Amino acid sequence: MPETTQTTPTDPWEYCLYIPNDPRAVTVSRRTLRLILTMHGLIRLVDVAELLATELVSNAVRHTKGPAALRVRWAAGVLRIGAWDADPAPPEPPVPLEQVTDLEEGRGLGLVRACVDLWGWQPLAREGNRGKVVWCELAAA
């Protein structure tokens, strides 16, 4: 097996994993994210990042009909995790966690909002891709 050279966490990088609209894609995305962060020496962010990616990707798969993608970017000490889907409609606003403690659904974006430094969404229409990206940022410090 060829040797891999790890970049330092200060070097910027970006990955995009295109996934089908399939609930199993959430697990594939989560495991891929774990591998990416481990290979880049960011193991301390893995648990929270996996939770965030799971919420974003599962929303993209559950609430849309087309393909989706996990987007991961590291720059200037900030990890950005995003989920692209083909539906341009905005996500439902997050409900505060204290209002949904007994519900089995509807906590995803509230959980994301509680765990990150910044989150949002933006419509997309470039490179032939239409839809939106729902993203969040997690600082390493």
C-alpha atoms as a PDB file:
ATOM      1  CA  MET A   1       0.000   0.000   0.000  1.00  0.00           C
ATOM      2  CA  PRO A   2       1.467   3.400  -0.911  1.00  0.00           C
ATOM      3  CA  GLU A   3       2.346   5.778   1.859  1.00  0.00           C
ATOM      4  CA  THR A   4       0.075   8.735   2.370  1.00  0.00           C
ATOM      5  CA  THR A   5       1.353  12.103   3.393  1.00  0.00           C
ATOM      6  CA  GLN A   6      -0.851  13.767   5.942  1.00  0.00           C
ATOM      7  CA  THR A   7      -1.319  17.478   5.646  1.00  0.00           C
ATOM      8  CA  THR A   8      -1.257  19.524   8.779  1.00  0.00           C
ATOM      9  CA  PRO A   9      -4.574  20.830  10.078  1.00  0.00           C
ATOM     10  CA  THR A  10      -3.456  24.325   9.020  1.00  0.00           C
ATOM     11  CA  ASP A  11      -3.492  23.406   5.319  1.00  0.00           C
ATOM     12  CA  PRO A  12      -6.896  24.039   3.694  1.00  0.00           C
ATOM     13  CA  TRP A  13      -8.701  21.153   1.987  1.00  0.00           C
ATOM     14  CA  GLU A  14     -12.145  20.257   0.682  1.00  0.00           C
ATOM     15  CA  TYR A  15     -14.029  17.043  -0.140  1.00  0.00           C
ATOM     16  CA  CYS A  16     -17.381  16.324  -1.733  1.00  0.00           C
ATOM     17  CA  LEU A  17     -19.099  12.929  -1.576  1.00  0.00           C
ATOM     18  CA  TYR A  18     -22.086  12.531  -3.899  1.00  0.00           C
ATOM     19  CA  ILE A  19     -24.672  10.122  -2.543  1.00  0.00           C
ATOM     20  CA  PRO A  20     -27.921   8.629  -3.803  1.00  0.00           C
ATOM     21  CA  ASN A  21     -31.257   9.265  -2.139  1.00  0.00           C
ATOM     22  CA  ASP A  22     -30.929   6.197   0.061  1.00  0.00           C
ATOM     23  CA  PRO A  23     -31.053   6.039   3.872  1.00  0.00           C
ATOM     24  CA  ARG A  24     -27.863   3.912   3.837  1.00  0.00           C
ATOM     25  CA  ALA A  25     -26.030   6.923   2.406  1.00  0.00           C
ATOM     26  CA  VAL A  26     -26.162   8.543   5.850  1.00  0.00           C
ATOM     27  CA  THR A  27     -23.925   5.805   7.274  1.00  0.00           C
ATOM     28  CA  VAL A  28     -21.588   5.991   4.269  1.00  0.00           C
ATOM     29  CA  SER A  29     -21.311   9.766   4.747  1.00  0.00           C
ATOM     30  CA  ARG A  30     -20.655   9.489   8.465  1.00  0.00           C
ATOM     31  CA  ARG A  31     -17.922   6.866   8.026  1.00  0.00           C
ATOM     32  CA  THR A  32     -16.326   8.793   5.182  1.00  0.00           C
ATOM     33  CA  LEU A  33     -16.259  11.946   7.304  1.00  0.00           C
ATOM     34  CA  ARG A  34     -14.608  10.033  10.167  1.00  0.00           C
ATOM     35  CA  LEU A  35     -11.903   8.816   7.802  1.00  0.00           C
ATOM     36  CA  ILE A  36     -11.310  12.276   6.318  1.00  0.00           C
ATOM     37  CA  LEU A  37     -10.962  13.932   9.719  1.00  0.00           C
ATOM     38  CA  THR A  38      -8.735  11.162  11.060  1.00  0.00           C
ATOM     39  CA  MET A  39      -6.428  11.341   8.047  1.00  0.00           C
ATOM     40  CA  HIS A  40      -6.110  15.111   8.490  1.00  0.00           C
ATOM     41  CA  GLY A  41      -5.288  14.860  12.196  1.00  0.00           C
ATOM     42  CA  LEU A  42      -8.625  16.271  13.391  1.00  0.00           C
ATOM     43  CA  ILE A  43      -9.734  13.280  15.464  1.00  0.00           C
ATOM     44  CA  ARG A  44     -10.864  15.594  18.288  1.00  0.00           C
ATOM     45  CA  LEU A  45     -13.673  16.881  16.046  1.00  0.00           C
ATOM     46  CA  VAL A  46     -14.897  13.475  14.842  1.00  0.00           C
ATOM     47  CA  ASP A  47     -17.711  12.787  17.313  1.00  0.00           C
ATOM     48  CA  VAL A  48     -19.410  16.169  16.998  1.00  0.00           C
ATOM     49  CA  ALA A  49     -18.767  16.326  13.239  1.00  0.00           C
ATOM     50  CA  GLU A  50     -20.345  12.887  12.747  1.00  0.00           C
ATOM     51  CA  LEU A  51     -23.439  13.977  14.655  1.00  0.00           C
ATOM     52  CA  LEU A  52     -23.718  17.145  12.575  1.00  0.00           C
ATOM     53  CA  ALA A  53     -23.183  15.355   9.255  1.00  0.00           C
ATOM     54  CA  THR A  54     -25.738  12.709  10.224  1.00  0.00           C
ATOM     55  CA  GLU A  55     -28.379  15.352  10.874  1.00  0.00           C
ATOM     56  CA  LEU A  56     -27.656  17.347   7.708  1.00  0.00           C
ATOM     57  CA  VAL A  57     -27.381  14.365   5.352  1.00  0.00           C
ATOM     58  CA  SER A  58     -30.377  12.551   6.817  1.00  0.00           C
ATOM     59  CA  ASN A  59     -32.480  15.695   6.269  1.00  0.00           C
ATOM     60  CA  ALA A  60     -31.284  15.898   2.665  1.00  0.00           C
ATOM     61  CA  VAL A  61     -32.136  12.241   2.049  1.00  0.00           C
ATOM     62  CA  ARG A  62     -35.405  12.216   3.990  1.00  0.00           C
ATOM     63  CA  HIS A  63     -36.940  15.455   2.750  1.00  0.00           C
ATOM     64  CA  THR A  64     -35.932  15.417  -0.918  1.00  0.00           C
ATOM     65  CA  LYS A  65     -36.263  12.991  -3.801  1.00  0.00           C
ATOM     66  CA  GLY A  66     -33.040  13.462  -5.727  1.00  0.00           C
ATOM     67  CA  PRO A  67     -29.361  12.912  -5.132  1.00  0.00           C
ATOM     68  CA  ALA A  68     -27.456  14.621  -2.344  1.00  0.00           C
ATOM     69  CA  ALA A  69     -23.862  15.320  -1.356  1.00  0.00           C
ATOM     70  CA  LEU A  70     -21.785  15.711   1.763  1.00  0.00           C
ATOM     71  CA  ARG A  71     -19.390  18.656   1.529  1.00  0.00           C
ATOM     72  CA  VAL A  72     -16.544  19.037   3.999  1.00  0.00           C
ATOM     73  CA  ARG A  73     -14.064  21.903   4.070  1.00  0.00           C
ATOM     74  CA  TRP A  74     -11.239  22.877   6.421  1.00  0.00           C
ATOM     75  CA  ALA A  75      -9.781  26.387   6.288  1.00  0.00           C
ATOM     76  CA  ALA A  76      -8.342  28.796   8.845  1.00  0.00           C
ATOM     77  CA  GLY A  77      -9.095  26.488  11.784  1.00  0.00           C
ATOM     78  CA  VAL A  78     -12.775  26.055  10.904  1.00  0.00           C
ATOM     79  CA  LEU A  79     -14.494  22.866   9.769  1.00  0.00           C
ATOM     80  CA  ARG A  80     -17.484  23.455   7.482  1.00  0.00           C
ATOM     81  CA  ILE A  81     -19.879  20.558   6.941  1.00  0.00           C
ATOM     82  CA  GLY A  82     -22.625  20.903   4.373  1.00  0.00           C
ATOM     83  CA  ALA A  83     -25.299  18.783   2.800  1.00  0.00           C
ATOM     84  CA  TRP A  84     -26.372  19.594  -0.744  1.00  0.00           C
ATOM     85  CA  ASP A  85     -29.690  18.412  -2.118  1.00  0.00           C
ATOM     86  CA  ALA A  86     -31.560  19.090  -5.346  1.00  0.00           C
ATOM     87  CA  ASP A  87     -34.549  20.792  -3.708  1.00  0.00           C
ATOM     88  CA  PRO A  88     -34.189  24.600  -3.692  1.00  0.00           C
ATOM     89  CA  ALA A  89     -36.818  25.058  -0.939  1.00  0.00           C
ATOM     90  CA  PRO A  90     -35.368  26.373   2.334  1.00  0.00           C
ATOM     91  CA  PRO A  91     -35.167  24.044   5.317  1.00  0.00           C
ATOM     92  CA  GLU A  92     -37.722  24.368   8.079  1.00  0.00           C
ATOM     93  CA  PRO A  93     -36.471  26.725  10.800  1.00  0.00           C
ATOM     94  CA  PRO A  94     -34.953  24.866  13.750  1.00  0.00           C
ATOM     95  CA  VAL A  95     -37.138  24.353  16.785  1.00  0.00           C
ATOM     96  CA  PRO A  96     -35.436  25.037  20.138  1.00  0.00           C
ATOM     97  CA  LEU A  97     -34.415  21.736  21.715  1.00  0.00           C
ATOM     98  CA  GLU A  98     -36.339  22.400  24.919  1.00  0.00           C
ATOM     99  CA  GLN A  99     -39.573  22.434  22.868  1.00  0.00           C
ATOM    100  CA  VAL A 100     -39.023  19.048  21.198  1.00  0.00           C
ATOM    101  CA  THR A 101     -37.569  16.873  23.945  1.00  0.00           C
ATOM    102  CA  ASP A 102     -40.355  14.266  23.725  1.00  0.00           C
ATOM    103  CA  LEU A 103     -40.567  14.130  19.923  1.00  0.00           C
ATOM    104  CA  GLU A 104     -38.823  11.478  17.858  1.00  0.00           C
ATOM    105  CA  GLU A 105     -38.500  13.805  14.846  1.00  0.00           C
ATOM    106  CA  GLY A 106     -37.957  17.505  14.267  1.00  0.00           C
ATOM    107  CA  ARG A 107     -34.879  17.991  16.435  1.00  0.00           C
ATOM    108  CA  GLY A 108     -32.197  17.833  13.721  1.00  0.00           C
ATOM    109  CA  LEU A 109     -31.524  21.483  12.934  1.00  0.00           C
ATOM    110  CA  GLY A 110     -32.139  22.467  16.562  1.00  0.00           C
ATOM    111  CA  LEU A 111     -29.405  20.023  17.547  1.00  0.00           C
ATOM    112  CA  VAL A 112     -27.124  21.377  14.835  1.00  0.00           C
ATOM    113  CA  ARG A 113     -27.740  24.943  15.992  1.00  0.00           C
ATOM    114  CA  ALA A 114     -26.949  23.977  19.609  1.00  0.00           C
ATOM    115  CA  CYS A 115     -23.603  22.341  18.702  1.00  0.00           C
ATOM    116  CA  VAL A 116     -22.034  24.752  16.225  1.00  0.00           C
ATOM    117  CA  ASP A 117     -20.595  28.214  16.039  1.00  0.00           C
ATOM    118  CA  LEU A 118     -22.494  29.146  12.878  1.00  0.00           C
ATOM    119  CA  TRP A 119     -24.999  27.491  10.541  1.00  0.00           C
ATOM    120  CA  GLY A 120     -27.156  28.463   7.598  1.00  0.00           C
ATOM    121  CA  TRP A 121     -28.327  27.535   4.148  1.00  0.00           C
ATOM    122  CA  GLN A 122     -27.999  28.947   0.678  1.00  0.00           C
ATOM    123  CA  PRO A 123     -29.643  28.235  -2.668  1.00  0.00           C
ATOM    124  CA  LEU A 124     -27.400  26.946  -5.431  1.00  0.00           C
ATOM    125  CA  ALA A 125     -27.517  27.181  -9.203  1.00  0.00           C
ATOM    126  CA  ARG A 126     -24.002  26.643 -10.524  1.00  0.00           C
ATOM    127  CA  GLU A 127     -22.128  23.993 -12.476  1.00  0.00           C
ATOM    128  CA  GLY A 128     -25.455  22.476 -13.470  1.00  0.00           C
ATOM    129  CA  ASN A 129     -26.392  21.807  -9.836  1.00  0.00           C
ATOM    130  CA  ARG A 130     -29.572  23.299  -8.525  1.00  0.00           C
ATOM    131  CA  GLY A 131     -30.874  23.026  -5.026  1.00  0.00           C
ATOM    132  CA  LYS A 132     -29.445  24.187  -1.735  1.00  0.00           C
ATOM    133  CA  VAL A 133     -26.690  23.587   0.763  1.00  0.00           C
ATOM    134  CA  VAL A 134     -27.423  23.475   4.472  1.00  0.00           C
ATOM    135  CA  TRP A 135     -24.137  23.989   6.303  1.00  0.00           C
ATOM    136  CA  CYS A 136     -22.595  24.458   9.709  1.00  0.00           C
ATOM    137  CA  GLU A 137     -19.198  25.544  10.999  1.00  0.00           C
ATOM    138  CA  LEU A 138     -17.247  24.146  13.886  1.00  0.00           C
ATOM    139  CA  ALA A 139     -14.107  25.924  15.101  1.00  0.00           C
ATOM    140  CA  ALA A 140     -11.222  23.710  16.172  1.00  0.00           C
ATOM    141  CA  ALA A 141     -10.413  25.736  19.296  1.00  0.00           C
END
